[in-house]
Amino acid sequence: MTTTSSPEQVSFLARNLKLAAHLYNPTSGSIDRSGAAIIICHPWTSIKEQSPANYAHILSKAGFICLCYDAAYQGESQGEPRNLEDPYQRVEEIKSAVTYLVSRNDVDSGKIGVLGICASGGYAPFTAQTDLRIKACATSAAVCVGTMARRGFDKDSSSIDILNSQLEAAAKDRNSDITGEKIPIVHMLPEKLEDAANLLDSFQDLAQYYRKRQSHERALNVCLPRSWDIMANFDAFAHNDMISPRPLLMITGTKAATKWYSEYGAQKAKEPKELMVIDGSTHADLYDHIDKAGPKLVDFFGKYLK
């Protein structure tokens, strides 16, 4: 009988910023994976204690070492200004996480994989395209923040006017370092669940998760306006073909407004690749309702990290 492991508090540096991390060791009685390890990266405005922890519990029970961490500028990690979302910093963090795992005696450096959730479902493939130390890449409810900034959450939405206003706000935000003008921070979700009732279904889906099912005091769901001029021309999946011959698995749901991101990401990849579409799952369902995604990931990483 296995028991869920309590994570060990660890840290590592990414561009000289100290990142707070949790290391989940394989639970007692689990399969011996001989040092196979998985980096699990959180969504935009999220933290390591939320969806990454949910996946880490399943994967550590299956014998994998799992590393979850807070992105720079967020959660318990270092970095100023706070609540900045920088795709290129996020990519560097995954590479630094690989380096940290390579430094550990209990990790086999030839058996390191990465799992990216939501926005990190864009960062993880982008990193794997050029970091050959990553032997297997998986995503859950993947999103490219650059494409989202340009086109929106839903496939058929258009946000060019919104993007222009966000870039104007980004410029004011940067100028505030000199002018001292107070620029409003971007609230991704309402503070109260009931205030999300009139929003699009996709945002109600996120609100149900962040404001009810797995709320956390350090998951503020806010973002600095200057993040948008870093995100706006980021393209996560353009070179997914470079991941091959290493494998790519992309998991989404039939009811996920973001399903098209995973479809496009898989389309851009070469074999071996797989797109798993879970019937009835929304985007945020794949944060904590992972009874199907979890076992699939165990099989995937078990096949390729051996």
Protein backbone atom coordinates (compact mmCIF):
# COMPACT_ATOMS: atom_id res chain seq x y z
CA MET A 1 0.00 0.00 0.00
CA THR A 2 1.37 3.43 -0.95
CA THR A 3 1.02 6.67 0.94
CA THR A 4 1.15 10.19 -0.49
CA SER A 5 4.52 11.79 0.09
CA SER A 6 4.87 15.18 1.75
CA PRO A 7 7.02 17.41 -0.42
CA GLU A 8 10.52 18.49 0.53
CA GLN A 9 11.12 22.24 0.38
CA VAL A 10 13.98 22.96 -2.00
CA SER A 11 15.12 25.87 -4.17
CA PHE A 12 17.15 26.62 -7.26
CA LEU A 13 18.31 29.66 -9.20
CA ALA A 14 17.03 30.90 -12.55
CA ARG A 15 18.76 34.03 -13.86
CA ASN A 16 20.00 34.63 -10.30
CA LEU A 17 16.49 34.60 -8.85
CA LYS A 18 15.82 32.07 -6.11
CA LEU A 19 12.79 29.94 -6.90
CA ALA A 20 10.83 28.22 -4.14
CA ALA A 21 10.12 24.60 -5.01
CA HIS A 22 8.60 21.38 -3.71
CA LEU A 23 10.26 18.06 -4.42
CA TYR A 24 8.00 15.02 -4.23
CA ASN A 25 9.90 11.77 -3.71
CA PRO A 26 8.41 8.47 -4.90
CA THR A 27 6.06 7.09 -2.27
CA SER A 28 6.99 3.96 -0.39
CA GLY A 29 5.93 0.82 -2.22
CA SER A 30 5.76 2.54 -5.61
CA ILE A 31 7.41 1.24 -8.77
CA ASP A 32 11.17 1.72 -8.91
CA ARG A 33 11.70 4.19 -11.78
CA SER A 34 15.49 4.30 -11.24
CA GLY A 35 15.73 8.06 -10.83
CA ALA A 36 13.18 9.19 -13.43
CA ALA A 37 12.06 12.75 -12.65
CA ILE A 38 9.35 15.13 -13.92
CA ILE A 39 9.25 18.93 -13.73
CA ILE A 40 5.66 20.15 -13.30
CA CYS A 41 5.00 23.81 -14.19
CA HIS A 42 2.02 25.87 -13.07
CA PRO A 43 -0.50 27.96 -15.03
CA TRP A 44 -0.46 31.73 -15.44
CA THR A 45 -1.23 33.48 -12.08
CA SER A 46 -1.12 30.14 -10.28
CA ILE A 47 1.31 28.53 -7.80
CA LYS A 48 2.97 25.18 -7.12
CA GLU A 49 0.45 24.16 -4.43
CA GLN A 50 -2.45 24.07 -6.88
CA SER A 51 -2.65 22.00 -10.08
CA PRO A 52 1.05 20.99 -10.10
CA ALA A 53 0.62 19.40 -6.67
CA ASN A 54 -2.40 17.44 -7.91
CA TYR A 55 -0.34 15.89 -10.69
CA ALA A 56 2.70 15.42 -8.46
CA HIS A 57 0.69 13.30 -6.03
CA ILE A 58 -0.34 10.93 -8.81
CA LEU A 59 3.06 10.75 -10.47
CA SER A 60 5.01 10.34 -7.21
CA LYS A 61 2.68 7.48 -6.26
CA ALA A 62 3.70 5.92 -9.56
CA GLY A 63 7.39 6.12 -8.62
CA PHE A 64 8.51 9.37 -10.24
CA ILE A 65 10.46 12.16 -8.56
CA CYS A 66 8.46 15.37 -9.14
CA LEU A 67 9.63 18.97 -8.94
CA CYS A 68 7.06 21.77 -8.68
CA TYR A 69 8.03 25.42 -8.22
CA ASP A 70 6.71 28.97 -8.18
CA ALA A 71 7.67 31.07 -11.19
CA ALA A 72 9.82 34.13 -10.57
CA TYR A 73 7.87 37.24 -9.54
CA GLN A 74 5.09 35.01 -8.19
CA GLY A 75 4.20 32.89 -5.17
CA GLU A 76 7.10 32.34 -2.77
CA SER A 77 9.82 32.88 -5.37
CA GLN A 78 12.03 35.95 -5.71
CA GLY A 79 11.70 38.63 -8.37
CA GLU A 80 10.62 42.24 -8.73
CA PRO A 81 8.30 43.65 -9.88
CA ARG A 82 5.80 41.22 -8.41
CA ASN A 83 3.12 39.56 -10.56
CA LEU A 84 5.08 39.88 -13.79
CA GLU A 85 4.49 37.17 -16.42
CA ASP A 86 7.58 36.80 -18.60
CA PRO A 87 7.48 33.85 -21.05
CA TYR A 88 11.21 33.92 -21.62
CA GLN A 89 11.95 33.89 -17.89
CA ARG A 90 9.48 31.01 -17.54
CA VAL A 91 11.31 29.05 -20.24
CA GLU A 92 14.65 29.74 -18.55
CA GLU A 93 13.17 28.43 -15.29
CA ILE A 94 12.36 25.08 -16.86
CA LYS A 95 15.92 24.82 -18.14
CA SER A 96 17.21 25.75 -14.68
CA ALA A 97 14.92 23.14 -13.13
CA VAL A 98 16.49 20.54 -15.42
CA THR A 99 19.94 21.67 -14.28
CA TYR A 100 18.86 21.39 -10.65
CA LEU A 101 17.63 17.83 -11.19
CA VAL A 102 20.85 16.90 -12.99
CA SER A 103 22.73 18.03 -9.87
CA ARG A 104 20.88 15.53 -7.65
CA ASN A 105 22.35 12.11 -7.00
CA ASP A 106 18.89 10.52 -6.83
CA VAL A 107 17.98 11.64 -10.38
CA ASP A 108 19.06 9.91 -13.57
CA SER A 109 19.93 12.83 -15.87
CA GLY A 110 18.88 10.73 -18.86
CA LYS A 111 15.34 10.34 -17.49
CA ILE A 112 14.01 13.88 -17.07
CA GLY A 113 10.59 14.90 -18.39
CA VAL A 114 8.44 18.02 -18.17
CA LEU A 115 4.70 18.58 -17.74
CA GLY A 116 3.28 22.03 -18.43
CA ILE A 117 -0.23 23.07 -17.38
CA CYS A 118 -2.19 25.87 -19.13
CA ALA A 119 0.31 28.66 -19.96
CA SER A 120 3.13 26.30 -19.01
CA GLY A 121 1.66 23.96 -21.59
CA GLY A 122 3.14 26.48 -23.99
CA TYR A 123 6.37 27.06 -22.07
CA ALA A 124 7.18 23.35 -21.71
CA PRO A 125 7.15 22.48 -25.45
CA PHE A 126 8.97 25.72 -26.27
CA THR A 127 11.72 24.69 -23.84
CA ALA A 128 11.84 21.10 -25.07
CA GLN A 129 12.34 22.33 -28.64
CA THR A 130 15.91 23.34 -27.77
CA ASP A 131 16.80 21.68 -24.46
CA LEU A 132 17.76 18.15 -25.44
CA ARG A 133 18.10 17.15 -21.79
CA ILE A 134 14.28 16.93 -21.70
CA LYS A 135 13.52 13.38 -22.83
CA ALA A 136 9.71 13.58 -22.81
CA CYS A 137 7.28 16.52 -22.87
CA ALA A 138 3.61 16.55 -21.89
CA THR A 139 0.98 19.27 -21.54
CA SER A 140 -2.43 19.56 -19.92
CA ALA A 141 -4.91 22.23 -21.06
CA ALA A 142 -2.12 23.91 -23.00
CA VAL A 143 -2.24 27.58 -23.98
CA CYS A 144 0.22 29.86 -25.76
CA VAL A 145 0.14 33.18 -23.91
CA GLY A 146 1.34 35.01 -27.00
CA THR A 147 -1.44 33.65 -29.18
CA MET A 148 -3.90 34.33 -26.39
CA ALA A 149 -2.75 37.95 -26.19
CA ARG A 150 -3.19 38.30 -29.95
CA ARG A 151 -6.34 36.22 -30.52
CA GLY A 152 -7.97 35.47 -27.20
CA PHE A 153 -8.97 32.45 -25.13
CA ASP A 154 -11.48 31.00 -27.55
CA LYS A 155 -10.56 29.96 -31.10
CA ASP A 156 -12.99 32.28 -32.86
CA SER A 157 -12.43 35.32 -30.67
CA SER A 158 -10.54 38.41 -31.77
CA SER A 159 -8.68 40.57 -29.30
CA ILE A 160 -6.62 42.96 -31.43
CA ASP A 161 -8.42 46.00 -30.02
CA ILE A 162 -8.04 44.60 -26.52
CA LEU A 163 -4.38 43.88 -27.19
CA ASN A 164 -3.78 47.46 -28.34
CA SER A 165 -5.30 48.78 -25.12
CA GLN A 166 -3.19 46.34 -23.11
CA LEU A 167 -0.03 47.47 -24.89
CA GLU A 168 -0.96 51.07 -24.12
CA ALA A 169 -1.35 50.08 -20.47
CA ALA A 170 2.01 48.28 -20.62
CA ALA A 171 3.69 51.45 -21.85
CA LYS A 172 2.12 53.48 -19.03
CA ASP A 173 3.17 50.78 -16.56
CA ARG A 174 6.79 51.00 -17.68
CA ASN A 175 6.73 54.81 -17.62
CA SER A 176 5.41 54.67 -14.07
CA ASP A 177 8.92 53.69 -12.98
CA ILE A 178 9.76 57.34 -13.71
CA THR A 179 6.47 59.19 -13.36
CA GLY A 180 5.29 57.40 -10.24
CA GLU A 181 1.81 57.21 -11.73
CA LYS A 182 -0.20 54.38 -10.19
CA ILE A 183 -1.24 51.99 -12.97
CA PRO A 184 -4.06 49.53 -12.13
CA ILE A 185 -2.98 45.91 -12.02
CA VAL A 186 -4.86 43.50 -14.30
CA HIS A 187 -7.33 41.30 -12.44
CA MET A 188 -7.68 38.09 -14.44
CA LEU A 189 -10.73 36.97 -12.44
CA PRO A 190 -13.23 38.62 -10.08
CA GLU A 191 -12.37 38.39 -6.39
CA LYS A 192 -15.66 36.64 -5.59
CA LEU A 193 -17.11 33.64 -7.38
CA GLU A 194 -20.59 35.16 -7.61
CA ASP A 195 -19.16 38.11 -9.56
CA ALA A 196 -18.16 35.73 -12.36
CA ALA A 197 -21.76 34.75 -13.13
CA ASN A 198 -22.04 37.14 -16.08
CA LEU A 199 -18.67 36.32 -17.63
CA LEU A 200 -18.01 34.02 -20.57
CA ASP A 201 -18.28 30.31 -19.79
CA SER A 202 -14.51 29.93 -20.12
CA PHE A 203 -13.89 32.43 -17.33
CA GLN A 204 -16.64 30.98 -15.16
CA ASP A 205 -14.81 27.67 -15.55
CA LEU A 206 -11.60 29.23 -14.24
CA ALA A 207 -13.42 31.07 -11.45
CA GLN A 208 -14.95 27.81 -10.21
CA TYR A 209 -11.46 26.41 -9.79
CA TYR A 210 -9.55 29.44 -8.45
CA ARG A 211 -12.30 30.91 -6.31
CA LYS A 212 -13.93 27.72 -5.02
CA ARG A 213 -12.35 24.31 -5.60
CA GLN A 214 -8.70 25.12 -4.94
CA SER A 215 -8.37 28.75 -3.87
CA HIS A 216 -5.10 29.81 -2.26
CA GLU A 217 -4.01 33.05 -0.63
CA ARG A 218 -0.85 33.23 -2.75
CA ALA A 219 -2.69 32.66 -6.04
CA LEU A 220 -3.69 36.27 -6.58
CA ASN A 221 -4.86 35.95 -10.21
CA VAL A 222 -3.42 39.35 -11.04
CA CYS A 223 -0.83 40.38 -13.61
CA LEU A 224 1.24 43.49 -14.27
CA PRO A 225 0.21 45.37 -17.44
CA ARG A 226 3.83 45.36 -18.65
CA SER A 227 3.58 41.59 -19.03
CA TRP A 228 1.62 42.06 -22.25
CA ASP A 229 4.44 43.66 -24.24
CA ILE A 230 6.60 40.62 -23.41
CA MET A 231 3.90 38.05 -24.16
CA ALA A 232 2.35 39.59 -27.28
CA ASN A 233 4.83 38.20 -29.84
CA PHE A 234 5.69 34.94 -28.06
CA ASP A 235 4.88 31.83 -30.12
CA ALA A 236 5.04 28.60 -28.15
CA PHE A 237 4.24 25.98 -30.77
CA ALA A 238 5.76 27.31 -34.02
CA HIS A 239 8.74 24.97 -33.79
CA ASN A 240 7.20 21.95 -32.08
CA ASP A 241 8.68 19.83 -34.85
CA MET A 242 12.06 20.33 -33.15
CA ILE A 243 10.95 18.19 -30.19
CA SER A 244 11.05 15.04 -32.34
CA PRO A 245 12.35 12.34 -32.05
CA ARG A 246 11.54 12.90 -28.37
CA PRO A 247 7.84 12.38 -27.60
CA LEU A 248 5.11 14.97 -27.08
CA LEU A 249 1.75 14.30 -25.40
CA MET A 250 -0.92 17.02 -25.31
CA ILE A 251 -4.02 16.51 -23.17
CA THR A 252 -7.19 18.58 -23.47
CA GLY A 253 -10.94 18.20 -23.04
CA THR A 254 -13.95 18.24 -25.35
CA LYS A 255 -15.46 21.13 -23.40
CA ALA A 256 -12.22 23.10 -23.02
CA ALA A 257 -12.40 26.49 -24.74
CA THR A 258 -8.66 26.07 -25.23
CA LYS A 259 -8.87 22.70 -27.01
CA TRP A 260 -7.76 24.30 -30.26
CA TYR A 261 -4.40 25.25 -28.74
CA SER A 262 -3.56 21.60 -28.09
CA GLU A 263 -4.84 20.61 -31.51
CA TYR A 264 -2.59 23.20 -33.14
CA GLY A 265 0.39 22.32 -30.95
CA ALA A 266 0.07 18.64 -31.83
CA GLN A 267 -0.38 19.48 -35.51
CA LYS A 268 2.92 21.39 -35.50
CA ALA A 269 4.80 18.46 -33.93
CA LYS A 270 6.35 15.42 -35.57
CA GLU A 271 6.15 11.84 -34.38
CA PRO A 272 6.12 10.49 -31.79
CA LYS A 273 3.21 12.66 -30.71
CA GLU A 274 -0.25 12.15 -29.26
CA LEU A 275 -3.30 14.32 -28.68
CA MET A 276 -5.58 13.04 -25.92
CA VAL A 277 -9.05 14.62 -25.76
CA ILE A 278 -10.96 13.74 -22.59
CA ASP A 279 -14.71 13.61 -23.08
CA GLY A 280 -16.64 16.12 -20.96
CA SER A 281 -13.61 17.91 -19.49
CA THR A 282 -13.35 21.69 -19.44
CA HIS A 283 -10.06 23.60 -19.31
CA ALA A 284 -10.05 23.98 -15.51
CA ASP A 285 -11.25 20.39 -15.01
CA LEU A 286 -7.75 19.42 -16.11
CA TYR A 287 -6.34 21.24 -13.09
CA ASP A 288 -7.88 18.98 -10.47
CA HIS A 289 -10.27 16.44 -12.05
CA ILE A 290 -7.42 14.32 -13.36
CA ASP A 291 -8.62 10.74 -12.92
CA LYS A 292 -8.04 10.17 -16.65
CA ALA A 293 -5.18 12.57 -17.37
CA GLY A 294 -3.15 11.33 -14.42
CA PRO A 295 -2.98 7.63 -15.42
CA LYS A 296 -2.29 8.65 -19.02
CA LEU A 297 0.71 10.66 -17.88
CA VAL A 298 1.95 7.76 -15.76
CA ASP A 299 1.86 5.54 -18.85
CA PHE A 300 3.46 8.19 -21.05
CA PHE A 301 6.38 9.00 -18.78
CA GLY A 302 6.72 5.34 -17.82
CA LYS A 303 7.19 4.46 -21.47
CA TYR A 304 9.68 7.17 -22.34
CA LEU A 305 11.64 7.76 -19.11
CA LYS A 306 13.18 4.33 -18.74
